[in-house]
Amino acid sequence: MKDKKNIFPLILMLVAGALTGIMAYLSNYEIKEFLLILLLVMLCFYIVGLIILKVLAAFEKKNLEELEKQKAEEGIVVEKEQDGESNNSSDQES
């Protein structure tokens, strides 16, 4: 699943490159000017995609940590309740 996330910057870069190519064609840019613009746009959008990927990974890591913390707290509560029930049942038998 992690591999699927890694293609996000590439897809973003290619979509930006395609849109840039279409706009440059419609605007009748010279080939040297077009290639320079295309290179810069694709590079910028690749970097933006990497930044977005890192931010999403940080949010995912934070959410997983909070989920594990909640599970640990629930586990402690359940253990205390079970201990209390076993003490109550032994008290009732006496």
Protein backbone atom coordinates (compact mmCIF):
# COMPACT_ATOMS: atom_id res chain seq x y z
CA MET A 1 0.00 0.00 0.00
CA LYS A 2 2.90 2.32 0.70
CA ASP A 3 4.12 1.88 -2.88
CA LYS A 4 0.80 3.22 -4.19
CA LYS A 5 1.27 6.39 -2.17
CA ASN A 6 4.73 6.97 -3.66
CA ILE A 7 3.30 7.47 -7.15
CA PHE A 8 1.28 10.54 -6.07
CA PRO A 9 4.11 13.05 -6.78
CA LEU A 10 4.69 11.45 -10.18
CA ILE A 11 1.03 11.64 -11.15
CA LEU A 12 0.81 15.25 -9.99
CA MET A 13 3.93 16.12 -11.98
CA LEU A 14 2.66 14.43 -15.14
CA VAL A 15 -0.77 16.09 -14.94
CA ALA A 16 0.88 19.49 -14.47
CA GLY A 17 3.20 18.75 -17.40
CA ALA A 18 0.29 17.76 -19.63
CA LEU A 19 -1.64 20.91 -18.77
CA THR A 20 1.46 23.01 -19.35
CA GLY A 21 2.02 21.35 -22.71
CA ILE A 22 -1.54 22.03 -23.81
CA MET A 23 -1.40 25.66 -22.71
CA ALA A 24 1.99 26.19 -24.36
CA TYR A 25 0.74 24.65 -27.61
CA LEU A 26 -2.34 26.85 -27.63
CA SER A 27 -0.20 29.91 -26.87
CA ASN A 28 2.28 29.13 -29.69
CA TYR A 29 5.45 29.14 -27.56
CA GLU A 30 8.83 28.48 -29.18
CA ILE A 31 10.22 25.01 -28.48
CA LYS A 32 13.18 26.17 -26.32
CA GLU A 33 10.95 28.41 -24.21
CA PHE A 34 8.33 25.67 -23.95
CA LEU A 35 10.82 23.03 -22.81
CA LEU A 36 12.28 25.31 -20.15
CA ILE A 37 8.83 26.15 -18.81
CA LEU A 38 7.81 22.48 -18.91
CA LEU A 39 10.94 21.43 -17.01
CA LEU A 40 10.40 24.04 -14.30
CA VAL A 41 6.69 23.26 -13.91
CA MET A 42 7.28 19.52 -13.70
CA LEU A 43 10.09 19.95 -11.18
CA CYS A 44 8.04 22.32 -9.02
CA PHE A 45 5.00 20.07 -9.00
CA TYR A 46 7.11 17.02 -8.20
CA ILE A 47 8.53 18.83 -5.17
CA VAL A 48 5.03 19.95 -4.13
CA GLY A 49 3.86 16.33 -4.44
CA LEU A 50 6.71 15.15 -2.21
CA ILE A 51 5.84 17.77 0.40
CA ILE A 52 2.17 16.73 0.35
CA LEU A 53 3.22 13.09 0.69
CA LYS A 54 5.39 13.90 3.73
CA VAL A 55 2.58 15.89 5.38
CA LEU A 56 0.10 13.07 4.83
CA ALA A 57 2.60 10.55 6.23
CA ALA A 58 3.05 12.70 9.34
CA PHE A 59 -0.73 12.89 9.85
CA GLU A 60 -1.04 9.15 9.36
CA LYS A 61 1.74 8.47 11.86
CA LYS A 62 0.13 10.79 14.41
CA ASN A 63 -3.27 9.11 13.95
CA LEU A 64 -1.74 5.65 14.37
CA GLU A 65 0.02 6.73 17.56
CA GLU A 66 -3.23 8.13 18.97
CA LEU A 67 -5.09 4.95 18.03
CA GLU A 68 -2.46 2.79 19.74
CA LYS A 69 -2.63 5.03 22.81
CA GLN A 70 -6.42 4.69 22.93
CA LYS A 71 -6.18 0.92 22.57
CA ALA A 72 -3.63 0.81 25.39
CA GLU A 73 -5.86 2.91 27.63
CA GLU A 74 -8.87 0.73 26.85
CA GLY A 75 -6.80 -2.38 27.55
CA ILE A 76 -5.83 -1.04 30.99
CA VAL A 77 -9.46 -0.23 31.80
CA VAL A 78 -10.61 -3.69 30.72
CA GLU A 79 -7.94 -5.37 32.84
CA LYS A 80 -8.92 -3.36 35.90
CA GLU A 81 -12.58 -4.23 35.41
CA GLN A 82 -11.73 -7.91 35.08
CA ASP A 83 -9.60 -7.80 38.22
CA GLY A 84 -12.42 -6.08 40.07
CA GLU A 85 -14.95 -8.66 38.91
CA SER A 86 -12.76 -11.54 39.99
CA ASN A 87 -12.31 -9.92 43.42
CA ASN A 88 -16.06 -9.38 43.76
CA SER A 89 -16.84 -12.98 42.83
CA SER A 90 -14.28 -14.30 45.37
CA ASP A 91 -15.81 -12.01 48.01
CA GLN A 92 -19.28 -13.37 47.24
CA GLU A 93 -18.09 -16.98 47.58
CA SER A 94 -16.68 -16.33 51.08
